[in-house]
Amino acid sequence: MTVWGLNNFKPKRFKKRQGFDAAGAARHFGGMARIVLLGSAGSGKSTLARRLGERLGVPVISLDAIWQPAWGPPEVPAFRALMRDAHAGEAWVSDGNFAAATFDIRLSRATLIVWLDRPLLVCARRAIARVLRGGSDHRLRGLVKALRFIWGFERRNRPLIEAQRRLHGPLVPVLHLANDAEIAAFAASVGG
């Protein structure tokens, strides 16, 4: 499995009106899965991305791991060029939001968008645990910023992400997963 940027069912909230049968996910994707995972920090995007990448045998593209804060705003040409290259393949799992900077690139090719709609406290607990666990790119000095992001996600970030999603991928099926059981059921339904 290739992981870009890293150092080398039946969910109740699925929007059926968009025409995607969650129970038939494995048949739907075949070898052409291009999945974009969205959600707050701490929602489990990276964990699910790795699971899906392994089950489907496709590259995982971690936007957080690719983007370099020293570049400035994520709309910089270098980041967008990397996004175009990473998402040029026939199959991938793309982990991260970066809506304004990347949705025109990613959603134009996506076959499915998965929103991880986890409760605020679950996201905060997971973000804290990730920092305390160590061995990751997440450090204690960034915890306050991450918790602020999580706390304001539904009010500030989600509406902006949704506006960009509707603009760049209005026909891409959207699957909403809210808890561990729904996430596990979805992951089990693809690939393998």
C-alpha atoms as a PDB file:
ATOM      1  CA  MET A   1       0.000   0.000   0.000  1.00  0.00           C
ATOM      2  CA  THR A   2       1.303   3.456  -0.880  1.00  0.00           C
ATOM      3  CA  VAL A   3       0.835   6.215   1.658  1.00  0.00           C
ATOM      4  CA  TRP A   4       1.318   9.683   0.218  1.00  0.00           C
ATOM      5  CA  GLY A   5       2.767  12.265   2.546  1.00  0.00           C
ATOM      6  CA  LEU A   6       3.574   9.908   5.390  1.00  0.00           C
ATOM      7  CA  ASN A   7       7.139   9.346   6.262  1.00  0.00           C
ATOM      8  CA  ASN A   8       8.206   6.419   4.660  1.00  0.00           C
ATOM      9  CA  PHE A   9     -23.547  -1.622   6.510  1.00  0.00           C
ATOM     10  CA  LYS A  10     -25.834   0.230   6.712  1.00  0.00           C
ATOM     11  CA  PRO A  11     -25.405   3.534   8.415  1.00  0.00           C
ATOM     12  CA  LYS A  12     -28.580   5.334   9.373  1.00  0.00           C
ATOM     13  CA  ARG A  13     -27.454   8.758   8.230  1.00  0.00           C
ATOM     14  CA  PHE A  14     -26.537   7.846   4.647  1.00  0.00           C
ATOM     15  CA  LYS A  15     -28.080  10.230   2.148  1.00  0.00           C
ATOM     16  CA  LYS A  16     -29.880   7.725  -0.095  1.00  0.00           C
ATOM     17  CA  ARG A  17     -31.106  10.459  -2.413  1.00  0.00           C
ATOM     18  CA  GLN A  18     -27.633  10.573  -3.911  1.00  0.00           C
ATOM     19  CA  GLY A  19     -27.988   7.066  -5.323  1.00  0.00           C
ATOM     20  CA  PHE A  20     -25.236   5.118  -3.543  1.00  0.00           C
ATOM     21  CA  ASP A  21     -26.000   1.754  -1.929  1.00  0.00           C
ATOM     22  CA  ALA A  22     -23.756   1.543   1.145  1.00  0.00           C
ATOM     23  CA  ALA A  23     -24.349  -2.200   1.494  1.00  0.00           C
ATOM     24  CA  GLY A  24     -23.040  -2.701  -2.051  1.00  0.00           C
ATOM     25  CA  ALA A  25     -19.915  -0.591  -1.617  1.00  0.00           C
ATOM     26  CA  ALA A  26     -17.505  -3.372  -2.593  1.00  0.00           C
ATOM     27  CA  ARG A  27     -19.349  -4.021  -5.868  1.00  0.00           C
ATOM     28  CA  HIS A  28     -19.648  -0.302  -6.585  1.00  0.00           C
ATOM     29  CA  PHE A  29     -15.959   0.467  -6.227  1.00  0.00           C
ATOM     30  CA  GLY A  30     -14.266  -2.473  -7.869  1.00  0.00           C
ATOM     31  CA  GLY A  31     -10.736  -1.214  -8.509  1.00  0.00           C
ATOM     32  CA  MET A  32     -11.835   2.375  -9.055  1.00  0.00           C
ATOM     33  CA  ALA A  33     -12.332   3.630  -5.504  1.00  0.00           C
ATOM     34  CA  ARG A  34     -11.551   7.318  -5.114  1.00  0.00           C
ATOM     35  CA  ILE A  35     -12.724   8.167  -1.623  1.00  0.00           C
ATOM     36  CA  VAL A  36     -12.441  11.559   0.090  1.00  0.00           C
ATOM     37  CA  LEU A  37     -12.661  11.452   3.898  1.00  0.00           C
ATOM     38  CA  LEU A  38     -13.868  14.600   5.674  1.00  0.00           C
ATOM     39  CA  GLY A  39     -14.399  15.532   9.302  1.00  0.00           C
ATOM     40  CA  SER A  40     -13.080  17.355  12.305  1.00  0.00           C
ATOM     41  CA  ALA A  41      -9.644  16.791  13.776  1.00  0.00           C
ATOM     42  CA  GLY A  42      -9.841  13.697  15.953  1.00  0.00           C
ATOM     43  CA  SER A  43     -12.785  12.209  14.049  1.00  0.00           C
ATOM     44  CA  GLY A  44     -10.768   9.212  12.847  1.00  0.00           C
ATOM     45  CA  LYS A  45     -10.102  10.189   9.231  1.00  0.00           C
ATOM     46  CA  SER A  46      -6.508   8.937   9.193  1.00  0.00           C
ATOM     47  CA  THR A  47      -7.357   5.659  10.912  1.00  0.00           C
ATOM     48  CA  LEU A  48     -10.206   4.962   8.495  1.00  0.00           C
ATOM     49  CA  ALA A  49      -8.043   6.009   5.537  1.00  0.00           C
ATOM     50  CA  ARG A  50      -5.394   3.443   6.467  1.00  0.00           C
ATOM     51  CA  ARG A  51      -8.026   0.713   6.914  1.00  0.00           C
ATOM     52  CA  LEU A  52      -9.662   1.491   3.574  1.00  0.00           C
ATOM     53  CA  GLY A  53      -6.300   1.715   1.817  1.00  0.00           C
ATOM     54  CA  GLU A  54      -5.360  -1.731   3.106  1.00  0.00           C
ATOM     55  CA  ARG A  55      -8.756  -3.301   2.329  1.00  0.00           C
ATOM     56  CA  LEU A  56      -8.930  -1.825  -1.167  1.00  0.00           C
ATOM     57  CA  GLY A  57      -5.200  -2.060  -1.932  1.00  0.00           C
ATOM     58  CA  VAL A  58      -5.083   1.594  -2.982  1.00  0.00           C
ATOM     59  CA  PRO A  59      -2.794   4.524  -2.112  1.00  0.00           C
ATOM     60  CA  VAL A  60      -3.668   6.663   0.910  1.00  0.00           C
ATOM     61  CA  ILE A  61      -3.112  10.386   0.474  1.00  0.00           C
ATOM     62  CA  SER A  62      -2.727  12.251   3.776  1.00  0.00           C
ATOM     63  CA  LEU A  63      -3.163  15.961   3.095  1.00  0.00           C
ATOM     64  CA  ASP A  64      -2.014  16.989   6.587  1.00  0.00           C
ATOM     65  CA  ALA A  65       1.249  15.118   6.054  1.00  0.00           C
ATOM     66  CA  ILE A  66       1.869  16.711   2.642  1.00  0.00           C
ATOM     67  CA  TRP A  67       1.087  20.340   3.451  1.00  0.00           C
ATOM     68  CA  GLN A  68       3.986  22.262   5.000  1.00  0.00           C
ATOM     69  CA  PRO A  69       3.045  25.173   7.317  1.00  0.00           C
ATOM     70  CA  ALA A  70       6.103  27.096   6.126  1.00  0.00           C
ATOM     71  CA  TRP A  71       4.498  27.336   2.683  1.00  0.00           C
ATOM     72  CA  GLY A  72       1.875  29.758   3.962  1.00  0.00           C
ATOM     73  CA  PRO A  73      -1.730  29.403   2.837  1.00  0.00           C
ATOM     74  CA  PRO A  74      -2.581  25.927   1.529  1.00  0.00           C
ATOM     75  CA  GLU A  75      -3.578  27.405  -1.834  1.00  0.00           C
ATOM     76  CA  VAL A  76       0.092  27.744  -2.841  1.00  0.00           C
ATOM     77  CA  PRO A  77       1.021  26.289  -6.248  1.00  0.00           C
ATOM     78  CA  ALA A  78       3.429  23.717  -4.773  1.00  0.00           C
ATOM     79  CA  PHE A  79       0.705  22.162  -2.609  1.00  0.00           C
ATOM     80  CA  ARG A  80      -1.834  22.166  -5.439  1.00  0.00           C
ATOM     81  CA  ALA A  81       0.709  20.557  -7.801  1.00  0.00           C
ATOM     82  CA  LEU A  82       1.308  17.800  -5.263  1.00  0.00           C
ATOM     83  CA  MET A  83      -2.463  17.355  -4.937  1.00  0.00           C
ATOM     84  CA  ARG A  84      -2.864  16.977  -8.708  1.00  0.00           C
ATOM     85  CA  ASP A  85      -0.060  14.402  -8.857  1.00  0.00           C
ATOM     86  CA  ALA A  86      -1.300  12.449  -5.829  1.00  0.00           C
ATOM     87  CA  HIS A  87      -4.898  12.300  -7.076  1.00  0.00           C
ATOM     88  CA  ALA A  88      -4.065  11.443 -10.706  1.00  0.00           C
ATOM     89  CA  GLY A  89      -4.295   7.686 -10.108  1.00  0.00           C
ATOM     90  CA  GLU A  90      -7.305   5.504 -10.842  1.00  0.00           C
ATOM     91  CA  ALA A  91      -7.854   4.595  -7.180  1.00  0.00           C
ATOM     92  CA  TRP A  92      -7.010   6.264  -3.855  1.00  0.00           C
ATOM     93  CA  VAL A  93      -8.235   7.272  -0.424  1.00  0.00           C
ATOM     94  CA  SER A  94      -7.767  10.970   0.339  1.00  0.00           C
ATOM     95  CA  ASP A  95      -7.651  11.947   4.009  1.00  0.00           C
ATOM     96  CA  GLY A  96      -8.189  15.604   4.896  1.00  0.00           C
ATOM     97  CA  ASN A  97     -10.341  18.665   4.444  1.00  0.00           C
ATOM     98  CA  PHE A  98      -8.424  21.565   2.763  1.00  0.00           C
ATOM     99  CA  ALA A  99     -11.658  22.328   0.914  1.00  0.00           C
ATOM    100  CA  ALA A 100     -10.890  25.688  -0.704  1.00  0.00           C
ATOM    101  CA  ALA A 101      -7.431  24.578  -1.821  1.00  0.00           C
ATOM    102  CA  THR A 102      -8.160  21.064  -3.088  1.00  0.00           C
ATOM    103  CA  PHE A 103     -11.816  20.240  -3.715  1.00  0.00           C
ATOM    104  CA  ASP A 104     -11.651  21.305  -7.364  1.00  0.00           C
ATOM    105  CA  ILE A 105      -8.874  18.721  -7.799  1.00  0.00           C
ATOM    106  CA  ARG A 106     -10.134  15.912  -5.553  1.00  0.00           C
ATOM    107  CA  LEU A 107     -13.911  16.025  -5.894  1.00  0.00           C
ATOM    108  CA  SER A 108     -13.828  16.156  -9.679  1.00  0.00           C
ATOM    109  CA  ARG A 109     -12.401  12.596  -9.541  1.00  0.00           C
ATOM    110  CA  ALA A 110     -13.985  11.220  -6.360  1.00  0.00           C
ATOM    111  CA  THR A 111     -16.417   8.288  -6.396  1.00  0.00           C
ATOM    112  CA  LEU A 112     -17.472   8.763  -2.753  1.00  0.00           C
ATOM    113  CA  ILE A 113     -17.248  11.334   0.039  1.00  0.00           C
ATOM    114  CA  VAL A 114     -17.296  10.008   3.585  1.00  0.00           C
ATOM    115  CA  TRP A 115     -18.130  12.492   6.359  1.00  0.00           C
ATOM    116  CA  LEU A 116     -17.092  11.351   9.828  1.00  0.00           C
ATOM    117  CA  ASP A 117     -19.743  13.043  11.955  1.00  0.00           C
ATOM    118  CA  ARG A 118     -18.269  12.288  15.349  1.00  0.00           C
ATOM    119  CA  PRO A 119     -19.397  14.057  18.535  1.00  0.00           C
ATOM    120  CA  LEU A 120     -17.281  16.986  19.687  1.00  0.00           C
ATOM    121  CA  LEU A 121     -16.169  15.273  22.889  1.00  0.00           C
ATOM    122  CA  VAL A 122     -15.120  12.122  21.032  1.00  0.00           C
ATOM    123  CA  CYS A 123     -12.955  14.203  18.678  1.00  0.00           C
ATOM    124  CA  ALA A 124     -11.406  16.137  21.578  1.00  0.00           C
ATOM    125  CA  ARG A 125     -10.678  12.941  23.523  1.00  0.00           C
ATOM    126  CA  ARG A 126      -9.087  11.324  20.469  1.00  0.00           C
ATOM    127  CA  ALA A 127      -6.947  14.412  19.765  1.00  0.00           C
ATOM    128  CA  ILE A 128      -5.699  14.495  23.363  1.00  0.00           C
ATOM    129  CA  ALA A 129      -4.998  10.750  23.361  1.00  0.00           C
ATOM    130  CA  ARG A 130      -3.081  11.041  20.084  1.00  0.00           C
ATOM    131  CA  VAL A 131      -0.778  13.684  21.570  1.00  0.00           C
ATOM    132  CA  LEU A 132      -0.265  11.831  24.837  1.00  0.00           C
ATOM    133  CA  ARG A 133       0.375   8.540  23.052  1.00  0.00           C
ATOM    134  CA  GLY A 134       3.355  10.073  21.258  1.00  0.00           C
ATOM    135  CA  GLY A 135       5.065   8.603  18.238  1.00  0.00           C
ATOM    136  CA  SER A 136       3.056  10.745  15.837  1.00  0.00           C
ATOM    137  CA  ASP A 137       3.425  14.092  14.145  1.00  0.00           C
ATOM    138  CA  HIS A 138       1.008  15.633  16.655  1.00  0.00           C
ATOM    139  CA  ARG A 139       2.722  17.438  19.489  1.00  0.00           C
ATOM    140  CA  LEU A 140       1.607  18.919  22.778  1.00  0.00           C
ATOM    141  CA  ARG A 141       2.314  22.471  21.573  1.00  0.00           C
ATOM    142  CA  GLY A 142      -0.362  22.068  18.882  1.00  0.00           C
ATOM    143  CA  LEU A 143      -3.003  20.590  21.171  1.00  0.00           C
ATOM    144  CA  VAL A 144      -4.668  23.891  22.118  1.00  0.00           C
ATOM    145  CA  LYS A 145      -4.948  24.846  18.445  1.00  0.00           C
ATOM    146  CA  ALA A 146      -6.405  21.419  17.611  1.00  0.00           C
ATOM    147  CA  LEU A 147      -8.953  21.661  20.442  1.00  0.00           C
ATOM    148  CA  ARG A 148     -10.020  25.142  19.279  1.00  0.00           C
ATOM    149  CA  PHE A 149     -10.438  23.790  15.777  1.00  0.00           C
ATOM    150  CA  ILE A 150     -12.548  20.890  17.067  1.00  0.00           C
ATOM    151  CA  TRP A 151     -14.635  23.145  19.302  1.00  0.00           C
ATOM    152  CA  GLY A 152     -15.487  25.513  16.440  1.00  0.00           C
ATOM    153  CA  PHE A 153     -15.668  22.931  13.641  1.00  0.00           C
ATOM    154  CA  GLU A 154     -19.459  22.644  13.359  1.00  0.00           C
ATOM    155  CA  ARG A 155     -19.972  26.397  13.522  1.00  0.00           C
ATOM    156  CA  ARG A 156     -17.089  27.628  11.358  1.00  0.00           C
ATOM    157  CA  ASN A 157     -15.402  24.950   9.276  1.00  0.00           C
ATOM    158  CA  ARG A 158     -18.187  22.544   8.378  1.00  0.00           C
ATOM    159  CA  PRO A 159     -20.307  25.213   6.604  1.00  0.00           C
ATOM    160  CA  LEU A 160     -17.271  26.279   4.548  1.00  0.00           C
ATOM    161  CA  ILE A 161     -16.401  22.685   3.669  1.00  0.00           C
ATOM    162  CA  GLU A 162     -20.017  21.921   2.744  1.00  0.00           C
ATOM    163  CA  ALA A 163     -20.215  25.004   0.497  1.00  0.00           C
ATOM    164  CA  GLN A 164     -17.081  23.882  -1.358  1.00  0.00           C
ATOM    165  CA  ARG A 165     -18.404  20.303  -1.554  1.00  0.00           C
ATOM    166  CA  ARG A 166     -21.644  21.480  -3.140  1.00  0.00           C
ATOM    167  CA  LEU A 167     -19.694  23.662  -5.569  1.00  0.00           C
ATOM    168  CA  HIS A 168     -17.096  21.088  -6.690  1.00  0.00           C
ATOM    169  CA  GLY A 169     -18.778  17.728  -6.093  1.00  0.00           C
ATOM    170  CA  PRO A 170     -22.541  18.089  -6.001  1.00  0.00           C
ATOM    171  CA  LEU A 171     -23.116  14.702  -7.660  1.00  0.00           C
ATOM    172  CA  VAL A 172     -20.561  12.718  -5.656  1.00  0.00           C
ATOM    173  CA  PRO A 173     -22.372  10.379  -3.235  1.00  0.00           C
ATOM    174  CA  VAL A 174     -21.990  11.354   0.440  1.00  0.00           C
ATOM    175  CA  LEU A 175     -21.920   8.846   3.273  1.00  0.00           C
ATOM    176  CA  HIS A 176     -22.270  10.117   6.872  1.00  0.00           C
ATOM    177  CA  LEU A 177     -20.802   7.909   9.604  1.00  0.00           C
ATOM    178  CA  ALA A 178     -21.395   8.896  13.218  1.00  0.00           C
ATOM    179  CA  ASN A 179     -19.986   6.141  15.432  1.00  0.00           C
ATOM    180  CA  ASP A 180     -17.564   3.226  15.641  1.00  0.00           C
ATOM    181  CA  ALA A 181     -20.189   0.650  14.584  1.00  0.00           C
ATOM    182  CA  GLU A 182     -21.089   2.555  11.405  1.00  0.00           C
ATOM    183  CA  ILE A 183     -17.429   3.106  10.552  1.00  0.00           C
ATOM    184  CA  ALA A 184     -16.583  -0.573  11.123  1.00  0.00           C
ATOM    185  CA  ALA A 185     -19.572  -1.702   9.024  1.00  0.00           C
ATOM    186  CA  PHE A 186     -18.553   0.560   6.161  1.00  0.00           C
ATOM    187  CA  ALA A 187     -14.889  -0.510   6.292  1.00  0.00           C
ATOM    188  CA  ALA A 188     -15.947  -4.177   6.309  1.00  0.00           C
ATOM    189  CA  SER A 189     -18.188  -3.612   3.256  1.00  0.00           C
ATOM    190  CA  VAL A 190     -15.377  -2.475   0.963  1.00  0.00           C
ATOM    191  CA  GLY A 191     -12.575  -4.472  -0.578  1.00  0.00           C
ATOM    192  CA  GLY A 192     -11.314  -7.578   1.115  1.00  0.00           C
END
